[in-house]
Amino acid sequence: MELAGIGWDRWFDEQAACGSGRRIARVTAVDRGRYLVRDEHVEVPAELTGKFLYTAASSVDMPCVGDWVCVQKSIGNR
């Protein structure tokens, strides 16, 4: 599936600036601070980074279903 299949269009291309090592994904589900995101290849669980959590002024600033986000694969000790 291409990103266009889940709503990506030229306007987003012009606005997006994810940076190196990151890719665009769409939030498909949110449940108690846990997220599912989908890119053109796969849907995976995701979590917010500490920096984002500490700079968000309220829950209104958190991603919700349908939002486009920049994601980066993280390898942890889990």
Foldseek 3Di string as FASTA:
>chain_A
DAVVVLPDDPVCVVVDDQDPQKDKWFWAADDPQKTWTDHPPDIDIDHDDPVQVVPDPDPVSDDHGGDMDIDHDDDDDD
